[in-house]
Amino acid sequence: MNLLNNDAMRLMETSLKAATTRHNTIANNIANADTPGFKAERTVFKHQLAEATGNQLQAYRTDEKHINFGGSNSNESPVITKRNNTAYNHNGNNVDMDHEMAELAKNQIYYNAMIERLNSRFSGIRTALGSGR
């Protein structure tokens, strides 16, 4: 049994990378809030994109713990898409600061929750090894 290189640790690592990518996208949107013609970007993941377009083949599951077709989505990399269908300013810029700040706060809460979960995991491992209390 490998304590540090297992599915749960890889999932947490992927989640932290996803939150970092999302944070960078939101920060870029905020930084370009006054740039004429700038189109806001959004970080989406392939499984979210497939769900939105309706192209995902659904498995018949009798329990929520059953895995969908294609297995775990933990290794899928994010895709950054532009929001081209809106315009909030007269100069063609579509950055909505209220929306971006709300998304930033939501992402920060998610990131902190993942860090807490990871710290809890390390604390459990440390206790199991006999060096923690």
Foldseek 3Di string as FASTA:
>chain_A
DDLCDDPVNLLLVLLLVLLVVQLVLLVVLVVCVPPFQDFRKGKDWPVVVCVVVVNDDFDDDPDPPDATPPGDSSPTDIDIDTDQPDADDPRNYRRDVVVSVVSNVVSVVSNVVSVVVVVVSVQVVCVVVPNHD
